[in-house]
Amino acid sequence: VGGAALCALVAASPNLPFLAVALALPGAAIGLYHPPGTAMVATLPVRRGRALARHGVAGNVGLGVAPALATVVAIAVDWRAAYLVLGALALFAALAVWRLTPGRDEAEAERRRLRAREQADPRRRAGSTPPRERHWLMPSLLLVYFAAVGQGFVYRGAITFLPAHLEEH
C-alpha cells in the first residue's frame, strides 16, 4: 500500500528535486515487504514448498512484466501514467493479499485439522509429493534455466549498457 501511494507521489512530482526524493521512497517502501512477506509465505501455508515456489515465480514474473508494462504505458501516454498504473497494480495486489491470506488462527486451525487427519491415516500425508520425473532436463527445470539466463541478460545489459547509452545520448 505504501509503494502504491508513493508511486502516485512520484507521478505528481512538480519539479526535479521533488522527483529525486520521491523516486527513492517507493523503493524503500517496497524493500520493506521482503522480510515479513517471506516470513508470512513460509509460515502460514500448509504446503510451504509450493507456496514459496509460487511466491518466487510471481516475483520473477513481476520483475519481467513491470518494466515492459511501464514502457508501454509511458510510450502510449507518459511517464507519470506509468507510475500511476504500476501503483494501481500494487494497490490491487495489496488488497488481494489482505483479502485472501488467512490469519494466524485460521492457518493454525487448518494445520491442526491436517495433523489429525494424518494421525488417523498416515498414508494421507499433507505434504508435497515429489515429481515422478527427476532429471536435469525435465521441462519445468528447462523453463527455470531459460528464465534465469534471460533475467541475467536483462540485468547485466541494464547494468553494463544502459549507463553507456545514457552517457552517449
N, C-alpha and C. Protein backbone atom coordinates (compact mmCIF):
# COMPACT_ATOMS: atom_id res chain seq x y z
N VAL A 1 0.84 -1.18 0.00
CA VAL A 1 0.00 0.00 0.00
C VAL A 1 0.88 1.24 0.00
N GLY A 2 1.96 1.19 0.78
CA GLY A 2 2.90 2.31 0.80
C GLY A 2 3.54 2.53 -0.56
N GLY A 3 3.94 1.45 -1.21
CA GLY A 3 4.53 1.57 -2.54
C GLY A 3 3.55 2.16 -3.53
N ALA A 4 2.29 1.76 -3.44
CA ALA A 4 1.26 2.30 -4.34
C ALA A 4 1.08 3.79 -4.12
N ALA A 5 0.98 4.21 -2.87
CA ALA A 5 0.81 5.63 -2.56
C ALA A 5 2.03 6.43 -3.01
N LEU A 6 3.21 5.87 -2.82
CA LEU A 6 4.41 6.60 -3.20
C LEU A 6 4.60 6.65 -4.72
N CYS A 7 4.08 5.67 -5.45
CA CYS A 7 4.09 5.76 -6.91
C CYS A 7 3.23 6.94 -7.36
N ALA A 8 2.12 7.16 -6.69
CA ALA A 8 1.28 8.32 -7.00
C ALA A 8 2.02 9.62 -6.68
N LEU A 9 2.80 9.62 -5.61
CA LEU A 9 3.60 10.79 -5.27
C LEU A 9 4.64 11.07 -6.34
N VAL A 10 5.27 10.03 -6.88
CA VAL A 10 6.23 10.21 -7.98
C VAL A 10 5.53 10.82 -9.19
N ALA A 11 4.35 10.29 -9.51
CA ALA A 11 3.61 10.79 -10.67
C ALA A 11 3.21 12.25 -10.50
N ALA A 12 3.03 12.70 -9.29
CA ALA A 12 2.60 14.08 -9.03
C ALA A 12 3.77 15.02 -8.80
N SER A 13 4.98 14.57 -8.98
CA SER A 13 6.16 15.39 -8.71
C SER A 13 6.15 16.68 -9.53
N PRO A 14 6.24 17.83 -8.86
CA PRO A 14 6.18 19.11 -9.57
C PRO A 14 7.52 19.58 -10.14
N ASN A 15 8.63 19.05 -9.60
CA ASN A 15 9.94 19.50 -10.10
C ASN A 15 10.98 18.40 -9.89
N LEU A 16 12.18 18.63 -10.40
CA LEU A 16 13.22 17.61 -10.37
C LEU A 16 13.70 17.27 -8.96
N PRO A 17 13.96 18.23 -8.07
CA PRO A 17 14.39 17.84 -6.72
C PRO A 17 13.33 17.00 -5.98
N PHE A 18 12.06 17.37 -6.13
CA PHE A 18 10.99 16.60 -5.51
C PHE A 18 10.95 15.19 -6.11
N LEU A 19 11.10 15.10 -7.42
CA LEU A 19 11.10 13.81 -8.11
C LEU A 19 12.24 12.93 -7.61
N ALA A 20 13.42 13.51 -7.41
CA ALA A 20 14.57 12.74 -6.94
C ALA A 20 14.29 12.10 -5.59
N VAL A 21 13.70 12.86 -4.69
CA VAL A 21 13.36 12.32 -3.37
C VAL A 21 12.22 11.31 -3.48
N ALA A 22 11.22 11.67 -4.28
CA ALA A 22 10.05 10.80 -4.42
C ALA A 22 10.42 9.45 -5.03
N LEU A 23 11.40 9.41 -5.93
CA LEU A 23 11.79 8.14 -6.54
C LEU A 23 12.46 7.19 -5.55
N ALA A 24 13.11 7.72 -4.53
CA ALA A 24 13.76 6.86 -3.54
C ALA A 24 12.74 6.22 -2.61
N LEU A 25 11.64 6.88 -2.37
CA LEU A 25 10.67 6.40 -1.38
C LEU A 25 9.95 5.10 -1.76
N PRO A 26 9.47 4.93 -3.02
CA PRO A 26 8.82 3.65 -3.33
C PRO A 26 9.77 2.46 -3.18
N GLY A 27 11.03 2.66 -3.56
CA GLY A 27 11.99 1.57 -3.39
C GLY A 27 12.17 1.19 -1.94
N ALA A 28 12.22 2.20 -1.07
CA ALA A 28 12.36 1.92 0.36
C ALA A 28 11.11 1.21 0.89
N ALA A 29 9.95 1.68 0.49
CA ALA A 29 8.70 1.05 0.96
C ALA A 29 8.57 -0.38 0.46
N ILE A 30 8.88 -0.59 -0.80
CA ILE A 30 8.75 -1.93 -1.39
C ILE A 30 9.79 -2.87 -0.79
N GLY A 31 10.98 -2.34 -0.48
CA GLY A 31 12.02 -3.15 0.13
C GLY A 31 11.62 -3.67 1.50
N LEU A 32 10.74 -2.97 2.18
CA LEU A 32 10.27 -3.42 3.49
C LEU A 32 9.37 -4.65 3.40
N TYR A 33 8.89 -4.95 2.21
CA TYR A 33 7.99 -6.09 2.04
C TYR A 33 8.67 -7.43 2.32
N HIS A 34 9.90 -7.59 1.85
CA HIS A 34 10.50 -8.92 1.80
C HIS A 34 10.62 -9.64 3.14
N PRO A 35 11.12 -9.05 4.20
CA PRO A 35 11.19 -9.83 5.45
C PRO A 35 9.83 -10.32 5.95
N PRO A 36 8.82 -9.46 6.10
CA PRO A 36 7.54 -10.01 6.59
C PRO A 36 6.82 -10.83 5.53
N GLY A 37 6.94 -10.46 4.26
CA GLY A 37 6.25 -11.21 3.20
C GLY A 37 6.76 -12.63 3.08
N THR A 38 8.09 -12.79 3.10
CA THR A 38 8.67 -14.12 3.01
C THR A 38 8.34 -14.93 4.26
N ALA A 39 8.37 -14.27 5.42
CA ALA A 39 8.02 -14.98 6.66
C ALA A 39 6.58 -15.46 6.62
N MET A 40 5.68 -14.61 6.10
CA MET A 40 4.27 -15.00 6.01
C MET A 40 4.10 -16.19 5.07
N VAL A 41 4.78 -16.15 3.92
CA VAL A 41 4.65 -17.24 2.96
C VAL A 41 5.27 -18.52 3.52
N ALA A 42 6.29 -18.39 4.35
CA ALA A 42 6.95 -19.58 4.89
C ALA A 42 6.24 -20.16 6.11
N THR A 43 5.35 -19.40 6.75
CA THR A 43 4.73 -19.91 7.97
C THR A 43 3.24 -20.20 7.86
N LEU A 44 2.50 -19.43 7.07
CA LEU A 44 1.05 -19.62 7.03
C LEU A 44 0.58 -20.82 6.22
N PRO A 45 1.11 -21.06 5.01
CA PRO A 45 0.56 -22.17 4.22
C PRO A 45 0.91 -23.54 4.79
N VAL A 46 0.04 -24.49 4.54
CA VAL A 46 0.30 -25.86 4.94
C VAL A 46 1.38 -26.46 4.04
N ARG A 47 1.28 -26.19 2.75
CA ARG A 47 2.25 -26.70 1.77
C ARG A 47 3.27 -25.60 1.49
N ARG A 48 4.25 -25.47 2.37
CA ARG A 48 5.21 -24.37 2.31
C ARG A 48 6.02 -24.35 1.03
N GLY A 49 6.48 -25.50 0.60
CA GLY A 49 7.30 -25.56 -0.61
C GLY A 49 6.56 -25.01 -1.81
N ARG A 50 5.33 -25.42 -1.97
CA ARG A 50 4.52 -24.93 -3.09
C ARG A 50 4.27 -23.43 -2.96
N ALA A 51 3.98 -22.97 -1.75
CA ALA A 51 3.73 -21.54 -1.54
C ALA A 51 4.97 -20.71 -1.84
N LEU A 52 6.15 -21.15 -1.38
CA LEU A 52 7.38 -20.42 -1.66
C LEU A 52 7.69 -20.43 -3.15
N ALA A 53 7.41 -21.54 -3.82
CA ALA A 53 7.66 -21.61 -5.26
C ALA A 53 6.75 -20.63 -6.00
N ARG A 54 5.47 -20.62 -5.66
CA ARG A 54 4.55 -19.68 -6.32
C ARG A 54 4.93 -18.24 -6.02
N HIS A 55 5.34 -17.97 -4.81
CA HIS A 55 5.77 -16.64 -4.42
C HIS A 55 6.98 -16.20 -5.26
N GLY A 56 7.95 -17.10 -5.40
CA GLY A 56 9.14 -16.79 -6.21
C GLY A 56 8.82 -16.59 -7.67
N VAL A 57 7.98 -17.45 -8.21
CA VAL A 57 7.60 -17.32 -9.62
C VAL A 57 6.86 -16.01 -9.85
N ALA A 58 5.91 -15.69 -8.98
CA ALA A 58 5.15 -14.45 -9.13
C ALA A 58 6.08 -13.24 -9.04
N GLY A 59 7.05 -13.28 -8.13
CA GLY A 59 8.01 -12.18 -8.03
C GLY A 59 8.84 -12.02 -9.29
N ASN A 60 9.29 -13.13 -9.85
CA ASN A 60 10.08 -13.06 -11.08
C ASN A 60 9.25 -12.63 -12.28
N VAL A 61 8.00 -13.06 -12.34
CA VAL A 61 7.11 -12.59 -13.41
C VAL A 61 6.93 -11.08 -13.29
N GLY A 62 6.73 -10.60 -12.06
CA GLY A 62 6.61 -9.16 -11.85
C GLY A 62 7.86 -8.41 -12.27
N LEU A 63 9.04 -8.97 -11.96
CA LEU A 63 10.29 -8.33 -12.38
C LEU A 63 10.40 -8.24 -13.90
N GLY A 64 9.85 -9.22 -14.58
CA GLY A 64 9.92 -9.20 -16.03
C GLY A 64 8.84 -8.34 -16.68
N VAL A 65 7.64 -8.37 -16.12
CA VAL A 65 6.49 -7.70 -16.74
C VAL A 65 6.45 -6.20 -16.41
N ALA A 66 6.82 -5.83 -15.19
CA ALA A 66 6.68 -4.43 -14.77
C ALA A 66 7.43 -3.45 -15.68
N PRO A 67 8.70 -3.68 -16.00
CA PRO A 67 9.38 -2.73 -16.89
C PRO A 67 8.75 -2.66 -18.29
N ALA A 68 8.32 -3.80 -18.80
CA ALA A 68 7.68 -3.81 -20.12
C ALA A 68 6.37 -3.04 -20.08
N LEU A 69 5.56 -3.28 -19.05
CA LEU A 69 4.29 -2.58 -18.91
C LEU A 69 4.52 -1.08 -18.75
N ALA A 70 5.48 -0.72 -17.90
CA ALA A 70 5.78 0.71 -17.69
C ALA A 70 6.23 1.37 -18.98
N THR A 71 7.02 0.68 -19.77
CA THR A 71 7.49 1.23 -21.04
C THR A 71 6.33 1.45 -22.00
N VAL A 72 5.44 0.46 -22.09
CA VAL A 72 4.29 0.58 -22.99
C VAL A 72 3.40 1.75 -22.58
N VAL A 73 3.11 1.87 -21.28
CA VAL A 73 2.26 2.96 -20.80
C VAL A 73 2.95 4.30 -21.00
N ALA A 74 4.26 4.36 -20.72
CA ALA A 74 4.99 5.62 -20.89
C ALA A 74 5.01 6.07 -22.34
N ILE A 75 5.16 5.14 -23.26
CA ILE A 75 5.15 5.49 -24.69
C ILE A 75 3.75 5.89 -25.13
N ALA A 76 2.75 5.15 -24.67
CA ALA A 76 1.37 5.42 -25.09
C ALA A 76 0.81 6.69 -24.46
N VAL A 77 1.16 6.97 -23.20
CA VAL A 77 0.58 8.12 -22.50
C VAL A 77 1.72 9.05 -22.09
N ASP A 78 2.32 8.79 -20.94
CA ASP A 78 3.52 9.48 -20.48
C ASP A 78 4.08 8.76 -19.26
N TRP A 79 5.23 9.21 -18.78
CA TRP A 79 5.89 8.50 -17.69
C TRP A 79 5.08 8.57 -16.39
N ARG A 80 4.35 9.64 -16.19
CA ARG A 80 3.55 9.76 -14.97
C ARG A 80 2.44 8.71 -14.94
N ALA A 81 1.84 8.48 -16.09
CA ALA A 81 0.79 7.46 -16.18
C ALA A 81 1.36 6.07 -15.87
N ALA A 82 2.60 5.83 -16.29
CA ALA A 82 3.23 4.53 -15.99
C ALA A 82 3.32 4.31 -14.49
N TYR A 83 3.70 5.34 -13.73
CA TYR A 83 3.76 5.21 -12.28
C TYR A 83 2.37 5.02 -11.68
N LEU A 84 1.37 5.69 -12.23
CA LEU A 84 0.01 5.52 -11.72
C LEU A 84 -0.50 4.11 -11.97
N VAL A 85 -0.22 3.56 -13.16
CA VAL A 85 -0.66 2.20 -13.48
C VAL A 85 0.02 1.19 -12.56
N LEU A 86 1.35 1.32 -12.39
CA LEU A 86 2.05 0.37 -11.53
C LEU A 86 1.62 0.54 -10.07
N GLY A 87 1.35 1.76 -9.66
CA GLY A 87 0.83 1.98 -8.30
C GLY A 87 -0.53 1.34 -8.12
N ALA A 88 -1.39 1.45 -9.13
CA ALA A 88 -2.71 0.83 -9.05
C ALA A 88 -2.59 -0.69 -8.97
N LEU A 89 -1.66 -1.27 -9.74
CA LEU A 89 -1.44 -2.72 -9.67
C LEU A 89 -0.92 -3.13 -8.30
N ALA A 90 -0.04 -2.32 -7.71
CA ALA A 90 0.47 -2.61 -6.37
C ALA A 90 -0.66 -2.55 -5.35
N LEU A 91 -1.54 -1.58 -5.48
CA LEU A 91 -2.67 -1.47 -4.57
C LEU A 91 -3.60 -2.68 -4.72
N PHE A 92 -3.85 -3.09 -5.96
CA PHE A 92 -4.67 -4.27 -6.20
C PHE A 92 -4.05 -5.50 -5.55
N ALA A 93 -2.74 -5.66 -5.69
CA ALA A 93 -2.05 -6.81 -5.10
C ALA A 93 -2.15 -6.77 -3.58
N ALA A 94 -1.99 -5.59 -3.00
CA ALA A 94 -2.09 -5.47 -1.54
C ALA A 94 -3.49 -5.85 -1.06
N LEU A 95 -4.50 -5.38 -1.77
CA LEU A 95 -5.87 -5.72 -1.38
C LEU A 95 -6.15 -7.21 -1.54
N ALA A 96 -5.62 -7.82 -2.61
CA ALA A 96 -5.81 -9.26 -2.82
C ALA A 96 -5.15 -10.05 -1.70
N VAL A 97 -3.94 -9.67 -1.33
CA VAL A 97 -3.26 -10.37 -0.23
C VAL A 97 -4.04 -10.21 1.06
N TRP A 98 -4.49 -9.01 1.32
CA TRP A 98 -5.25 -8.75 2.55
C TRP A 98 -6.52 -9.60 2.61
N ARG A 99 -7.22 -9.73 1.48
CA ARG A 99 -8.48 -10.49 1.46
C ARG A 99 -8.26 -12.00 1.43
N LEU A 100 -7.23 -12.47 0.75
CA LEU A 100 -7.07 -13.91 0.51
C LEU A 100 -6.19 -14.62 1.53
N THR A 101 -5.35 -13.89 2.25
CA THR A 101 -4.42 -14.53 3.17
C THR A 101 -5.13 -14.87 4.48
N PRO A 102 -5.01 -16.13 4.90
CA PRO A 102 -5.64 -16.48 6.18
C PRO A 102 -4.87 -15.86 7.34
N GLY A 103 -5.58 -15.62 8.41
CA GLY A 103 -4.93 -15.14 9.62
C GLY A 103 -4.20 -16.27 10.31
N ARG A 104 -3.41 -15.93 11.31
CA ARG A 104 -2.64 -16.95 12.04
C ARG A 104 -3.56 -18.00 12.65
N ASP A 105 -4.66 -17.58 13.26
CA ASP A 105 -5.57 -18.52 13.91
C ASP A 105 -6.16 -19.49 12.89
N GLU A 106 -6.58 -18.96 11.75
CA GLU A 106 -7.16 -19.79 10.69
C GLU A 106 -6.13 -20.79 10.16
N ALA A 107 -4.89 -20.32 9.94
CA ALA A 107 -3.84 -21.21 9.43
C ALA A 107 -3.51 -22.29 10.44
N GLU A 108 -3.44 -21.93 11.71
CA GLU A 108 -3.14 -22.91 12.75
C GLU A 108 -4.26 -23.94 12.88
N ALA A 109 -5.51 -23.52 12.77
CA ALA A 109 -6.63 -24.46 12.81
C ALA A 109 -6.54 -25.45 11.64
N GLU A 110 -6.16 -24.97 10.47
CA GLU A 110 -6.01 -25.85 9.31
C GLU A 110 -4.87 -26.84 9.53
N ARG A 111 -3.76 -26.39 10.10
CA ARG A 111 -2.64 -27.29 10.40
C ARG A 111 -3.08 -28.39 11.38
N ARG A 112 -3.82 -28.00 12.43
CA ARG A 112 -4.30 -29.00 13.41
C ARG A 112 -5.21 -30.02 12.74
N ARG A 113 -6.09 -29.54 11.86
CA ARG A 113 -7.00 -30.43 11.15
C ARG A 113 -6.22 -31.43 10.30
N LEU A 114 -5.19 -30.95 9.59
CA LEU A 114 -4.41 -31.84 8.74
C LEU A 114 -3.57 -32.82 9.57
N ARG A 115 -3.03 -32.37 10.70
CA ARG A 115 -2.27 -33.28 11.57
C ARG A 115 -3.18 -34.40 12.09
N ALA A 116 -4.39 -34.05 12.49
CA ALA A 116 -5.34 -35.05 12.98
C ALA A 116 -5.68 -36.04 11.86
N ARG A 117 -5.84 -35.55 10.66
CA ARG A 117 -6.14 -36.43 9.52
C ARG A 117 -4.97 -37.37 9.25
N GLU A 118 -3.73 -36.85 9.35
CA GLU A 118 -2.55 -37.69 9.14
C GLU A 118 -2.43 -38.76 10.22
N GLN A 119 -2.73 -38.39 11.47
CA GLN A 119 -2.62 -39.36 12.55
C GLN A 119 -3.68 -40.45 12.39
N ALA A 120 -4.84 -40.10 11.89
CA ALA A 120 -5.90 -41.09 11.68
C ALA A 120 -5.53 -42.04 10.55
N ASP A 121 -4.90 -41.52 9.51
CA ASP A 121 -4.50 -42.34 8.36
C ASP A 121 -3.15 -41.84 7.86
N PRO A 122 -2.03 -42.44 8.30
CA PRO A 122 -0.69 -41.95 7.95
C PRO A 122 -0.41 -41.95 6.44
N ARG A 123 -1.18 -42.73 5.69
CA ARG A 123 -0.96 -42.74 4.23
C ARG A 123 -1.42 -41.44 3.58
N ARG A 124 -2.27 -40.67 4.24
CA ARG A 124 -2.77 -39.41 3.71
C ARG A 124 -1.92 -38.26 4.23
N ARG A 125 -0.73 -38.15 3.70
CA ARG A 125 0.20 -37.11 4.12
C ARG A 125 -0.15 -35.81 3.44
N ALA A 126 -0.10 -34.69 4.17
CA ALA A 126 -0.49 -33.39 3.63
C ALA A 126 0.62 -32.73 2.82
N GLY A 127 1.85 -33.20 2.96
CA GLY A 127 2.98 -32.54 2.30
C GLY A 127 2.97 -32.70 0.79
N SER A 128 3.89 -32.02 0.16
CA SER A 128 4.02 -32.08 -1.29
C SER A 128 4.57 -33.44 -1.70
N THR A 129 4.17 -33.89 -2.86
CA THR A 129 4.72 -35.12 -3.40
C THR A 129 5.76 -34.76 -4.46
N PRO A 130 6.88 -35.45 -4.48
CA PRO A 130 7.91 -35.11 -5.47
C PRO A 130 7.45 -35.48 -6.87
N PRO A 131 7.99 -34.81 -7.88
CA PRO A 131 7.60 -35.15 -9.25
C PRO A 131 8.06 -36.56 -9.60
N ARG A 132 7.30 -37.22 -10.47
CA ARG A 132 7.68 -38.57 -10.91
C ARG A 132 8.98 -38.52 -11.68
N GLU A 133 9.07 -37.54 -12.55
CA GLU A 133 10.23 -37.41 -13.41
C GLU A 133 11.27 -36.57 -12.68
N ARG A 134 12.49 -37.08 -12.55
CA ARG A 134 13.52 -36.34 -11.83
C ARG A 134 14.83 -36.41 -12.60
N HIS A 135 15.08 -35.40 -13.40
CA HIS A 135 16.37 -35.29 -14.07
C HIS A 135 16.61 -33.83 -14.43
N TRP A 136 17.84 -33.51 -14.79
CA TRP A 136 18.24 -32.12 -15.01
C TRP A 136 17.61 -31.48 -16.24
N LEU A 137 17.04 -32.25 -17.13
CA LEU A 137 16.46 -31.70 -18.36
C LEU A 137 14.95 -31.82 -18.41
N MET A 138 14.30 -31.95 -17.26
CA MET A 138 12.84 -32.01 -17.27
C MET A 138 12.30 -30.64 -17.69
N PRO A 139 11.17 -30.59 -18.39
CA PRO A 139 10.67 -29.33 -18.96
C PRO A 139 10.53 -28.19 -17.95
N SER A 140 10.06 -28.49 -16.76
CA SER A 140 9.90 -27.40 -15.78
C SER A 140 11.25 -26.80 -15.41
N LEU A 141 12.29 -27.63 -15.27
CA LEU A 141 13.61 -27.09 -14.97
C LEU A 141 14.20 -26.35 -16.16
N LEU A 142 13.94 -26.82 -17.36
CA LEU A 142 14.41 -26.09 -18.54
C LEU A 142 13.81 -24.68 -18.58
N LEU A 143 12.56 -24.57 -18.20
CA LEU A 143 11.91 -23.26 -18.15
C LEU A 143 12.58 -22.37 -17.10
N VAL A 144 12.91 -22.94 -15.95
CA VAL A 144 13.61 -22.17 -14.91
C VAL A 144 14.98 -21.74 -15.40
N TYR A 145 15.72 -22.65 -16.06
CA TYR A 145 17.04 -22.28 -16.60
C TYR A 145 16.91 -21.14 -17.60
N PHE A 146 15.95 -21.26 -18.51
CA PHE A 146 15.75 -20.23 -19.54
C PHE A 146 15.41 -18.89 -18.90
N ALA A 147 14.53 -18.90 -17.92
CA ALA A 147 14.14 -17.66 -17.25
C ALA A 147 15.32 -17.04 -16.51
N ALA A 148 16.13 -17.86 -15.85
CA ALA A 148 17.28 -17.35 -15.11
C ALA A 148 18.31 -16.74 -16.05
N VAL A 149 18.56 -17.40 -17.17
CA VAL A 149 19.51 -16.86 -18.15
C VAL A 149 18.97 -15.56 -18.73
N GLY A 150 17.68 -15.53 -19.07
CA GLY A 150 17.08 -14.31 -19.60
C GLY A 150 17.14 -13.16 -18.61
N GLN A 151 16.85 -13.45 -17.36
CA GLN A 151 16.91 -12.41 -16.33
C GLN A 151 18.34 -11.92 -16.17
N GLY A 152 19.30 -12.81 -16.26
CA GLY A 152 20.71 -12.41 -16.17
C GLY A 152 21.11 -11.50 -17.32
N PHE A 153 20.66 -11.82 -18.52
CA PHE A 153 20.96 -10.96 -19.68
C PHE A 153 20.36 -9.57 -19.50
N VAL A 154 19.10 -9.52 -19.08
CA VAL A 154 18.44 -8.23 -18.89
C VAL A 154 19.15 -7.43 -17.80
N TYR A 155 19.45 -8.07 -16.69
CA TYR A 155 20.10 -7.38 -15.57
C TYR A 155 21.48 -6.87 -15.99
N ARG A 156 22.30 -7.75 -16.55
CA ARG A 156 23.65 -7.35 -16.95
C ARG A 156 23.61 -6.31 -18.07
N GLY A 157 22.66 -6.47 -18.98
CA GLY A 157 22.54 -5.48 -20.05
C GLY A 157 22.21 -4.11 -19.50
N ALA A 158 21.30 -4.07 -18.54
CA ALA A 158 20.93 -2.78 -17.94
C ALA A 158 22.09 -2.19 -17.17
N ILE A 159 22.80 -3.01 -16.41
CA ILE A 159 23.91 -2.52 -15.60
C ILE A 159 25.09 -2.10 -16.48
N THR A 160 25.35 -2.84 -17.55
CA THR A 160 26.52 -2.58 -18.37
C THR A 160 26.26 -1.55 -19.47
N PHE A 161 25.19 -1.73 -20.22
CA PHE A 161 25.00 -0.91 -21.41
C PHE A 161 24.12 0.32 -21.19
N LEU A 162 23.20 0.29 -20.26
CA LEU A 162 22.34 1.44 -20.05
C LEU A 162 23.12 2.68 -19.63
N PRO A 163 24.07 2.58 -18.67
CA PRO A 163 24.84 3.80 -18.34
C PRO A 163 25.62 4.34 -19.52
N ALA A 164 26.21 3.45 -20.33
CA ALA A 164 26.95 3.91 -21.51
C ALA A 164 26.02 4.59 -22.51
N HIS A 165 24.85 4.00 -22.71
CA HIS A 165 23.87 4.58 -23.63
C HIS A 165 23.41 5.96 -23.14
N LEU A 166 23.12 6.06 -21.85
CA LEU A 166 22.66 7.34 -21.29
C LEU A 166 23.77 8.39 -21.37
N GLU A 167 25.03 7.97 -21.16
CA GLU A 167 26.12 8.92 -21.23
C GLU A 167 26.32 9.45 -22.65
N GLU A 168 26.16 8.58 -23.64
CA GLU A 168 26.31 8.99 -25.04
C GLU A 168 25.17 9.88 -25.51
N HIS A 169 23.98 9.60 -25.04
CA HIS A 169 22.81 10.32 -25.55
C HIS A 169 22.25 11.26 -24.52
